[in-house]
All heavy atoms as atom14 arrays in JSON, in Angstrom:
{
  "sequence": "VTYRNAYRNTLIWNVGAFFDRLLGQADLAGSTIIYTSDHGQNLH",
  "atom14_mask": [
    [1, 1, 1, 1, 1, 1, 1, 0, 0, 0, 0, 0, 0, 0],
    [1, 1, 1, 1, 1, 1, 1, 0, 0, 0, 0, 0, 0, 0],
    [1, 1, 1, 1, 1, 1, 1, 1, 1, 1, 1, 1, 0, 0],
    [1, 1, 1, 1, 1, 1, 1, 1, 1, 1, 1, 0, 0, 0],
    [1, 1, 1, 1, 1, 1, 1, 1, 0, 0, 0, 0, 0, 0],
    [1, 1, 1, 1, 1, 0, 0, 0, 0, 0, 0, 0, 0, 0],
    [1, 1, 1, 1, 1, 1, 1, 1, 1, 1, 1, 1, 0, 0],
    [1, 1, 1, 1, 1, 1, 1, 1, 1, 1, 1, 0, 0, 0],
    [1, 1, 1, 1, 1, 1, 1, 1, 0, 0, 0, 0, 0, 0],
    [1, 1, 1, 1, 1, 1, 1, 0, 0, 0, 0, 0, 0, 0],
    [1, 1, 1, 1, 1, 1, 1, 1, 0, 0, 0, 0, 0, 0],
    [1, 1, 1, 1, 1, 1, 1, 1, 0, 0, 0, 0, 0, 0],
    [1, 1, 1, 1, 1, 1, 1, 1, 1, 1, 1, 1, 1, 1],
    [1, 1, 1, 1, 1, 1, 1, 1, 0, 0, 0, 0, 0, 0],
    [1, 1, 1, 1, 1, 1, 1, 0, 0, 0, 0, 0, 0, 0],
    [1, 1, 1, 1, 0, 0, 0, 0, 0, 0, 0, 0, 0, 0],
    [1, 1, 1, 1, 1, 0, 0, 0, 0, 0, 0, 0, 0, 0],
    [1, 1, 1, 1, 1, 1, 1, 1, 1, 1, 1, 0, 0, 0],
    [1, 1, 1, 1, 1, 1, 1, 1, 1, 1, 1, 0, 0, 0],
    [1, 1, 1, 1, 1, 1, 1, 1, 0, 0, 0, 0, 0, 0],
    [1, 1, 1, 1, 1, 1, 1, 1, 1, 1, 1, 0, 0, 0],
    [1, 1, 1, 1, 1, 1, 1, 1, 0, 0, 0, 0, 0, 0],
    [1, 1, 1, 1, 1, 1, 1, 1, 0, 0, 0, 0, 0, 0],
    [1, 1, 1, 1, 0, 0, 0, 0, 0, 0, 0, 0, 0, 0],
    [1, 1, 1, 1, 1, 1, 1, 1, 1, 0, 0, 0, 0, 0],
    [1, 1, 1, 1, 1, 0, 0, 0, 0, 0, 0, 0, 0, 0],
    [1, 1, 1, 1, 1, 1, 1, 1, 0, 0, 0, 0, 0, 0],
    [1, 1, 1, 1, 1, 1, 1, 1, 0, 0, 0, 0, 0, 0],
    [1, 1, 1, 1, 1, 0, 0, 0, 0, 0, 0, 0, 0, 0],
    [1, 1, 1, 1, 0, 0, 0, 0, 0, 0, 0, 0, 0, 0],
    [1, 1, 1, 1, 1, 1, 0, 0, 0, 0, 0, 0, 0, 0],
    [1, 1, 1, 1, 1, 1, 1, 0, 0, 0, 0, 0, 0, 0],
    [1, 1, 1, 1, 1, 1, 1, 1, 0, 0, 0, 0, 0, 0],
    [1, 1, 1, 1, 1, 1, 1, 1, 0, 0, 0, 0, 0, 0],
    [1, 1, 1, 1, 1, 1, 1, 1, 1, 1, 1, 1, 0, 0],
    [1, 1, 1, 1, 1, 1, 1, 0, 0, 0, 0, 0, 0, 0],
    [1, 1, 1, 1, 1, 1, 0, 0, 0, 0, 0, 0, 0, 0],
    [1, 1, 1, 1, 1, 1, 1, 1, 0, 0, 0, 0, 0, 0],
    [1, 1, 1, 1, 1, 1, 1, 1, 1, 1, 0, 0, 0, 0],
    [1, 1, 1, 1, 0, 0, 0, 0, 0, 0, 0, 0, 0, 0],
    [1, 1, 1, 1, 1, 1, 1, 1, 1, 0, 0, 0, 0, 0],
    [1, 1, 1, 1, 1, 1, 1, 1, 0, 0, 0, 0, 0, 0],
    [1, 1, 1, 1, 1, 1, 1, 1, 0, 0, 0, 0, 0, 0],
    [1, 1, 1, 1, 1, 1, 1, 1, 1, 1, 0, 0, 0, 0]
  ],
  "atom14_positions": [
    [[91.44, 86.52, 89.41], [90.67, 86.6, 90.65], [91.62, 86.62, 91.84], [91.5, 87.46, 92.75], [89.68, 85.42, 90.76], [89.07, 85.36, 92.16], [88.56, 85.56, 89.73], [0.0, 0.0, 0.0], [0.0, 0.0, 0.0], [0.0, 0.0, 0.0], [0.0, 0.0, 0.0], [0.0, 0.0, 0.0], [0.0, 0.0, 0.0], [0.0, 0.0, 0.0]],
    [[92.59, 85.7, 91.86], [93.55, 85.66, 92.96], [94.43, 86.91, 92.96], [94.81, 87.4, 94.03], [94.42, 84.39, 92.88], [95.17, 84.39, 91.67], [93.56, 83.14, 92.94], [0.0, 0.0, 0.0], [0.0, 0.0, 0.0], [0.0, 0.0, 0.0], [0.0, 0.0, 0.0], [0.0, 0.0, 0.0], [0.0, 0.0, 0.0], [0.0, 0.0, 0.0]],
    [[94.76, 87.42, 91.79], [95.57, 88.64, 91.71], [94.81, 89.83, 92.3], [95.36, 90.6, 93.1], [95.95, 88.93, 90.26], [97.04, 89.97, 90.11], [98.34, 89.59, 89.8], [96.77, 91.33, 90.28], [99.35, 90.55, 89.67], [97.77, 92.27, 90.16], [99.06, 91.88, 89.85], [100.05, 92.82, 89.73], [0.0, 0.0, 0.0], [0.0, 0.0, 0.0]],
    [[93.53, 89.98, 91.91], [92.75, 91.11, 92.42], [92.58, 91.04, 93.94], [92.59, 92.07, 94.62], [91.4, 91.18, 91.71], [91.48, 91.62, 90.26], [90.12, 91.95, 89.68], [89.26, 90.79, 89.55], [89.18, 90.02, 88.47], [89.94, 90.27, 87.41], [88.35, 88.99, 88.43], [0.0, 0.0, 0.0], [0.0, 0.0, 0.0], [0.0, 0.0, 0.0]],
    [[92.43, 89.85, 94.47], [92.3, 89.73, 95.92], [93.62, 90.05, 96.63], [93.64, 90.71, 97.67], [91.83, 88.32, 96.3], [90.34, 88.13, 96.02], [89.58, 89.1, 96.01], [89.93, 86.9, 95.79], [0.0, 0.0, 0.0], [0.0, 0.0, 0.0], [0.0, 0.0, 0.0], [0.0, 0.0, 0.0], [0.0, 0.0, 0.0], [0.0, 0.0, 0.0]],
    [[94.74, 89.59, 96.06], [96.04, 89.96, 96.62], [96.25, 91.47, 96.51], [96.84, 92.1, 97.41], [97.15, 89.21, 95.9], [0.0, 0.0, 0.0], [0.0, 0.0, 0.0], [0.0, 0.0, 0.0], [0.0, 0.0, 0.0], [0.0, 0.0, 0.0], [0.0, 0.0, 0.0], [0.0, 0.0, 0.0], [0.0, 0.0, 0.0], [0.0, 0.0, 0.0]],
    [[95.75, 92.05, 95.44], [95.84, 93.5, 95.25], [95.05, 94.23, 96.34], [95.55, 95.2, 96.94], [95.29, 93.85, 93.86], [95.42, 95.29, 93.45], [96.64, 95.79, 93.03], [94.32, 96.14, 93.46], [96.77, 97.12, 92.62], [94.43, 97.46, 93.06], [95.66, 97.95, 92.64], [95.78, 99.26, 92.24], [0.0, 0.0, 0.0], [0.0, 0.0, 0.0]],
    [[93.84, 93.76, 96.63], [93.04, 94.36, 97.7], [93.77, 94.27, 99.04], [93.82, 95.24, 99.81], [91.69, 93.65, 97.79], [90.76, 93.88, 96.61], [89.49, 93.05, 96.78], [88.46, 93.37, 95.79], [88.26, 92.69, 94.67], [89.04, 91.64, 94.39], [87.29, 93.04, 93.85], [0.0, 0.0, 0.0], [0.0, 0.0, 0.0], [0.0, 0.0, 0.0]],
    [[94.32, 93.11, 99.34], [95.04, 92.95, 100.6], [96.24, 93.89, 100.68], [96.55, 94.46, 101.73], [95.52, 91.5, 100.75], [94.38, 90.51, 100.83], [93.28, 90.84, 101.31], [94.6, 89.28, 100.36], [0.0, 0.0, 0.0], [0.0, 0.0, 0.0], [0.0, 0.0, 0.0], [0.0, 0.0, 0.0], [0.0, 0.0, 0.0], [0.0, 0.0, 0.0]],
    [[96.92, 94.06, 99.54], [98.07, 94.96, 99.49], [97.64, 96.4, 99.75], [98.33, 97.15, 100.46], [98.77, 94.85, 98.13], [99.22, 93.51, 97.92], [99.96, 95.79, 98.03], [0.0, 0.0, 0.0], [0.0, 0.0, 0.0], [0.0, 0.0, 0.0], [0.0, 0.0, 0.0], [0.0, 0.0, 0.0], [0.0, 0.0, 0.0], [0.0, 0.0, 0.0]],
    [[96.5, 96.8, 99.19], [96.03, 98.17, 99.4], [95.68, 98.42, 100.86], [95.93, 99.52, 101.38], [94.8, 98.45, 98.52], [94.99, 98.41, 97.0], [93.76, 98.94, 96.28], [96.22, 99.19, 96.56], [0.0, 0.0, 0.0], [0.0, 0.0, 0.0], [0.0, 0.0, 0.0], [0.0, 0.0, 0.0], [0.0, 0.0, 0.0], [0.0, 0.0, 0.0]],
    [[95.07, 97.44, 101.51], [94.74, 97.62, 102.93], [96.0, 97.92, 103.73], [96.0, 98.78, 104.62], [94.05, 96.36, 103.49], [92.73, 96.08, 102.77], [93.77, 96.53, 104.99], [92.11, 94.76, 103.16], [0.0, 0.0, 0.0], [0.0, 0.0, 0.0], [0.0, 0.0, 0.0], [0.0, 0.0, 0.0], [0.0, 0.0, 0.0], [0.0, 0.0, 0.0]],
    [[97.1, 97.24, 103.4], [98.35, 97.39, 104.13], [99.13, 98.62, 103.68], [99.53, 99.45, 104.51], [99.2, 96.12, 103.95], [100.58, 96.19, 104.52], [101.76, 96.17, 103.83], [100.94, 96.28, 105.9], [102.83, 96.24, 104.69], [102.35, 96.3, 105.97], [100.2, 96.35, 107.09], [103.05, 96.4, 107.17], [100.9, 96.44, 108.29], [102.3, 96.46, 108.32]],
    [[99.36, 98.78, 102.38], [100.25, 99.83, 101.89], [99.55, 101.16, 101.62], [100.21, 102.15, 101.3], [100.99, 99.37, 100.64], [102.28, 98.65, 100.97], [102.74, 98.66, 102.1], [102.88, 98.01, 99.98], [0.0, 0.0, 0.0], [0.0, 0.0, 0.0], [0.0, 0.0, 0.0], [0.0, 0.0, 0.0], [0.0, 0.0, 0.0], [0.0, 0.0, 0.0]],
    [[98.23, 101.18, 101.72], [97.49, 102.45, 101.65], [96.78, 102.69, 102.98], [97.07, 103.67, 103.69], [96.49, 102.48, 100.48], [95.74, 103.82, 100.46], [97.21, 102.28, 99.14], [0.0, 0.0, 0.0], [0.0, 0.0, 0.0], [0.0, 0.0, 0.0], [0.0, 0.0, 0.0], [0.0, 0.0, 0.0], [0.0, 0.0, 0.0], [0.0, 0.0, 0.0]],
    [[95.85, 101.81, 103.34], [95.07, 102.02, 104.56], [95.92, 102.08, 105.81], [95.88, 103.07, 106.56], [0.0, 0.0, 0.0], [0.0, 0.0, 0.0], [0.0, 0.0, 0.0], [0.0, 0.0, 0.0], [0.0, 0.0, 0.0], [0.0, 0.0, 0.0], [0.0, 0.0, 0.0], [0.0, 0.0, 0.0], [0.0, 0.0, 0.0], [0.0, 0.0, 0.0]],
    [[96.7, 101.03, 106.07], [97.53, 101.01, 107.27], [98.65, 102.05, 107.19], [99.09, 102.58, 108.22], [98.11, 99.62, 107.48], [0.0, 0.0, 0.0], [0.0, 0.0, 0.0], [0.0, 0.0, 0.0], [0.0, 0.0, 0.0], [0.0, 0.0, 0.0], [0.0, 0.0, 0.0], [0.0, 0.0, 0.0], [0.0, 0.0, 0.0], [0.0, 0.0, 0.0]],
    [[99.11, 102.35, 105.98], [100.13, 103.39, 105.81], [99.62, 104.73, 106.31], [100.29, 105.43, 107.08], [100.52, 103.49, 104.33], [101.36, 104.69, 104.0], [102.74, 104.65, 104.12], [100.77, 105.88, 103.57], [103.52, 105.76, 103.82], [101.54, 106.99, 103.27], [102.92, 106.94, 103.41], [0.0, 0.0, 0.0], [0.0, 0.0, 0.0], [0.0, 0.0, 0.0]],
    [[98.41, 105.13, 105.88], [97.89, 106.43, 106.3], [97.51, 106.42, 107.78], [97.65, 107.45, 108.46], [96.7, 106.82, 105.43], [97.11, 107.46, 104.13], [96.87, 106.83, 102.92], [97.75, 108.69, 104.11], [97.27, 107.4, 101.72], [98.15, 109.27, 102.91], [97.91, 108.62, 101.71], [0.0, 0.0, 0.0], [0.0, 0.0, 0.0], [0.0, 0.0, 0.0]],
    [[97.04, 105.3, 108.29], [96.8, 105.22, 109.73], [98.09, 105.49, 110.51], [98.1, 106.22, 111.5], [96.26, 103.84, 110.1], [94.76, 103.71, 109.84], [94.13, 104.72, 109.53], [94.25, 102.58, 109.95], [0.0, 0.0, 0.0], [0.0, 0.0, 0.0], [0.0, 0.0, 0.0], [0.0, 0.0, 0.0], [0.0, 0.0, 0.0], [0.0, 0.0, 0.0]],
    [[99.16, 104.9, 110.04], [100.45, 105.07, 110.72], [100.97, 106.49, 110.58], [101.45, 107.1, 111.56], [101.46, 104.07, 110.14], [102.78, 104.0, 110.89], [103.71, 102.99, 110.23], [104.92, 102.79, 111.02], [105.17, 101.73, 111.78], [104.26, 100.76, 111.86], [106.3, 101.62, 112.46], [0.0, 0.0, 0.0], [0.0, 0.0, 0.0], [0.0, 0.0, 0.0]],
    [[100.91, 107.03, 109.37], [101.43, 108.38, 109.12], [100.63, 109.42, 109.88], [101.21, 110.24, 110.62], [101.38, 108.67, 107.62], [101.67, 110.12, 107.2], [103.11, 110.5, 107.54], [101.4, 110.31, 105.71], [0.0, 0.0, 0.0], [0.0, 0.0, 0.0], [0.0, 0.0, 0.0], [0.0, 0.0, 0.0], [0.0, 0.0, 0.0], [0.0, 0.0, 0.0]],
    [[99.31, 109.42, 109.72], [98.49, 110.48, 110.3], [98.32, 110.32, 111.79], [97.92, 111.27, 112.48], [97.13, 110.5, 109.59], [97.19, 110.73, 108.07], [95.81, 110.74, 107.47], [97.94, 112.03, 107.74], [0.0, 0.0, 0.0], [0.0, 0.0, 0.0], [0.0, 0.0, 0.0], [0.0, 0.0, 0.0], [0.0, 0.0, 0.0], [0.0, 0.0, 0.0]],
    [[98.63, 109.14, 112.31], [98.56, 108.94, 113.75], [99.69, 109.62, 114.5], [99.61, 109.8, 115.71], [0.0, 0.0, 0.0], [0.0, 0.0, 0.0], [0.0, 0.0, 0.0], [0.0, 0.0, 0.0], [0.0, 0.0, 0.0], [0.0, 0.0, 0.0], [0.0, 0.0, 0.0], [0.0, 0.0, 0.0], [0.0, 0.0, 0.0], [0.0, 0.0, 0.0]],
    [[100.76, 110.0, 113.77], [101.91, 110.6, 114.46], [102.37, 111.92, 113.86], [103.18, 112.63, 114.46], [103.08, 109.62, 114.44], [103.48, 109.13, 113.05], [104.58, 108.09, 113.08], [105.55, 108.21, 113.83], [104.44, 107.04, 112.27], [0.0, 0.0, 0.0], [0.0, 0.0, 0.0], [0.0, 0.0, 0.0], [0.0, 0.0, 0.0], [0.0, 0.0, 0.0]],
    [[101.87, 112.28, 112.68], [102.33, 113.5, 112.02], [101.45, 114.69, 112.37], [100.22, 114.57, 112.46], [102.33, 113.3, 110.51], [0.0, 0.0, 0.0], [0.0, 0.0, 0.0], [0.0, 0.0, 0.0], [0.0, 0.0, 0.0], [0.0, 0.0, 0.0], [0.0, 0.0, 0.0], [0.0, 0.0, 0.0], [0.0, 0.0, 0.0], [0.0, 0.0, 0.0]],
    [[102.06, 115.84, 112.53], [101.36, 117.09, 112.77], [101.29, 117.86, 111.44], [102.3, 118.35, 110.96], [102.08, 117.91, 113.83], [101.36, 119.22, 114.14], [100.24, 119.42, 113.61], [101.92, 120.04, 114.89], [0.0, 0.0, 0.0], [0.0, 0.0, 0.0], [0.0, 0.0, 0.0], [0.0, 0.0, 0.0], [0.0, 0.0, 0.0], [0.0, 0.0, 0.0]],
    [[100.11, 117.94, 110.89], [99.94, 118.6, 109.59], [99.57, 120.07, 109.71], [99.16, 120.68, 108.71], [98.89, 117.87, 108.75], [99.46, 116.91, 107.68], [100.17, 115.76, 108.34], [98.34, 116.39, 106.78], [0.0, 0.0, 0.0], [0.0, 0.0, 0.0], [0.0, 0.0, 0.0], [0.0, 0.0, 0.0], [0.0, 0.0, 0.0], [0.0, 0.0, 0.0]],
    [[99.67, 120.63, 110.88], [99.32, 122.05, 111.04], [100.15, 122.9, 110.08], [101.37, 122.98, 110.19], [99.56, 122.48, 112.48], [0.0, 0.0, 0.0], [0.0, 0.0, 0.0], [0.0, 0.0, 0.0], [0.0, 0.0, 0.0], [0.0, 0.0, 0.0], [0.0, 0.0, 0.0], [0.0, 0.0, 0.0], [0.0, 0.0, 0.0], [0.0, 0.0, 0.0]],
    [[99.47, 123.53, 109.12], [100.15, 124.37, 108.14], [100.75, 123.62, 106.98], [101.21, 124.24, 106.01], [0.0, 0.0, 0.0], [0.0, 0.0, 0.0], [0.0, 0.0, 0.0], [0.0, 0.0, 0.0], [0.0, 0.0, 0.0], [0.0, 0.0, 0.0], [0.0, 0.0, 0.0], [0.0, 0.0, 0.0], [0.0, 0.0, 0.0], [0.0, 0.0, 0.0]],
    [[100.79, 122.29, 107.03], [101.38, 121.49, 105.96], [100.3, 120.89, 105.07], [99.15, 120.75, 105.47], [102.25, 120.38, 106.55], [103.34, 120.92, 107.28], [0.0, 0.0, 0.0], [0.0, 0.0, 0.0], [0.0, 0.0, 0.0], [0.0, 0.0, 0.0], [0.0, 0.0, 0.0], [0.0, 0.0, 0.0], [0.0, 0.0, 0.0], [0.0, 0.0, 0.0]],
    [[100.72, 120.51, 103.88], [99.79, 119.94, 102.9], [100.42, 118.73, 102.23], [101.59, 118.79, 101.83], [99.41, 120.97, 101.82], [98.89, 122.15, 102.44], [98.37, 120.4, 100.87], [0.0, 0.0, 0.0], [0.0, 0.0, 0.0], [0.0, 0.0, 0.0], [0.0, 0.0, 0.0], [0.0, 0.0, 0.0], [0.0, 0.0, 0.0], [0.0, 0.0, 0.0]],
    [[99.66, 117.66, 102.12], [100.08, 116.46, 101.39], [99.17, 116.3, 100.17], [97.94, 116.31, 100.3], [99.99, 115.2, 102.26], [100.91, 115.31, 103.47], [100.33, 113.95, 101.45], [100.77, 114.15, 104.46], [0.0, 0.0, 0.0], [0.0, 0.0, 0.0], [0.0, 0.0, 0.0], [0.0, 0.0, 0.0], [0.0, 0.0, 0.0], [0.0, 0.0, 0.0]],
    [[99.76, 116.19, 99.0], [99.0, 115.86, 97.79], [99.3, 114.4, 97.45], [100.44, 114.05, 97.13], [99.37, 116.78, 96.61], [99.06, 118.23, 96.96], [98.61, 116.36, 95.35], [99.42, 119.22, 95.87], [0.0, 0.0, 0.0], [0.0, 0.0, 0.0], [0.0, 0.0, 0.0], [0.0, 0.0, 0.0], [0.0, 0.0, 0.0], [0.0, 0.0, 0.0]],
    [[98.27, 113.56, 97.56], [98.44, 112.11, 97.36], [97.84, 111.68, 96.03], [96.71, 112.04, 95.7], [97.77, 111.34, 98.5], [97.7, 109.84, 98.25], [98.86, 109.06, 98.28], [96.49, 109.22, 97.96], [98.8, 107.7, 98.04], [96.43, 107.85, 97.73], [97.59, 107.09, 97.77], [97.53, 105.74, 97.51], [0.0, 0.0, 0.0], [0.0, 0.0, 0.0]],
    [[98.63, 110.91, 95.28], [98.13, 110.32, 94.04], [98.94, 109.06, 93.76], [99.75, 108.63, 94.57], [98.23, 111.32, 92.87], [97.55, 110.78, 91.72], [99.68, 111.6, 92.5], [0.0, 0.0, 0.0], [0.0, 0.0, 0.0], [0.0, 0.0, 0.0], [0.0, 0.0, 0.0], [0.0, 0.0, 0.0], [0.0, 0.0, 0.0], [0.0, 0.0, 0.0]],
    [[98.72, 108.46, 92.62], [99.5, 107.31, 92.17], [100.07, 107.62, 90.8], [99.54, 108.48, 90.08], [98.63, 106.06, 92.11], [99.37, 104.94, 91.63], [0.0, 0.0, 0.0], [0.0, 0.0, 0.0], [0.0, 0.0, 0.0], [0.0, 0.0, 0.0], [0.0, 0.0, 0.0], [0.0, 0.0, 0.0], [0.0, 0.0, 0.0], [0.0, 0.0, 0.0]],
    [[101.14, 106.92, 90.45], [101.75, 107.18, 89.14], [100.81, 106.77, 88.0], [100.7, 107.44, 86.99], [103.11, 106.5, 89.01], [103.08, 105.02, 89.34], [102.01, 104.48, 89.69], [104.15, 104.38, 89.25], [0.0, 0.0, 0.0], [0.0, 0.0, 0.0], [0.0, 0.0, 0.0], [0.0, 0.0, 0.0], [0.0, 0.0, 0.0], [0.0, 0.0, 0.0]],
    [[100.14, 105.67, 88.16], [99.19, 105.19, 87.15], [98.24, 104.2, 87.8], [98.43, 103.82, 88.96], [99.92, 104.53, 85.97], [100.92, 103.48, 86.39], [100.54, 102.24, 86.86], [102.28, 103.51, 86.45], [101.61, 101.54, 87.18], [102.69, 102.29, 86.95], [0.0, 0.0, 0.0], [0.0, 0.0, 0.0], [0.0, 0.0, 0.0], [0.0, 0.0, 0.0]],
    [[97.21, 103.79, 87.06], [96.29, 102.78, 87.56], [96.71, 101.38, 87.12], [97.88, 101.12, 86.82], [0.0, 0.0, 0.0], [0.0, 0.0, 0.0], [0.0, 0.0, 0.0], [0.0, 0.0, 0.0], [0.0, 0.0, 0.0], [0.0, 0.0, 0.0], [0.0, 0.0, 0.0], [0.0, 0.0, 0.0], [0.0, 0.0, 0.0], [0.0, 0.0, 0.0]],
    [[95.71, 100.49, 87.06], [95.98, 99.1, 86.72], [94.83, 98.53, 85.88], [93.65, 98.8, 86.14], [96.09, 98.24, 87.99], [97.25, 98.62, 88.89], [98.55, 97.99, 88.45], [98.9, 96.9, 88.86], [99.27, 98.71, 87.62], [0.0, 0.0, 0.0], [0.0, 0.0, 0.0], [0.0, 0.0, 0.0], [0.0, 0.0, 0.0], [0.0, 0.0, 0.0]],
    [[95.2, 97.72, 84.91], [94.22, 96.89, 84.22], [94.3, 95.5, 84.85], [95.22, 94.73, 84.56], [94.53, 96.82, 82.73], [93.7, 95.76, 82.01], [92.64, 95.37, 82.48], [94.18, 95.3, 80.86], [0.0, 0.0, 0.0], [0.0, 0.0, 0.0], [0.0, 0.0, 0.0], [0.0, 0.0, 0.0], [0.0, 0.0, 0.0], [0.0, 0.0, 0.0]],
    [[93.36, 95.2, 85.73], [93.36, 93.91, 86.43], [92.39, 92.94, 85.77], [91.91, 92.0, 86.41], [93.01, 94.12, 87.9], [93.99, 95.02, 88.67], [93.62, 95.11, 90.14], [95.43, 94.55, 88.5], [0.0, 0.0, 0.0], [0.0, 0.0, 0.0], [0.0, 0.0, 0.0], [0.0, 0.0, 0.0], [0.0, 0.0, 0.0], [0.0, 0.0, 0.0]],
    [[92.11, 93.18, 84.51], [91.33, 92.26, 83.67], [89.96, 91.96, 84.27], [89.48, 90.83, 84.24], [92.13, 90.98, 83.42], [93.38, 91.2, 82.62], [93.54, 90.74, 81.34], [94.52, 91.88, 82.91], [94.73, 91.12, 80.88], [95.33, 91.82, 81.81], [0.0, 0.0, 0.0], [0.0, 0.0, 0.0], [0.0, 0.0, 0.0], [0.0, 0.0, 0.0]]
  ]
}
C-alpha cells in the first residue's frame, strides 16, 4: 500500500510535472515525440 502510494507520487513528479516542464518550453512544430516505458510493474 505504501509502495503504491509512493509510486503515485513519483508519477506525478516524474511524468506529470516532467511533461508540464517540457511542453511548457519546447516548440514541437514539425517534431514528433513517441513516449512509452520500458516495462510495467507488478505492484501486488
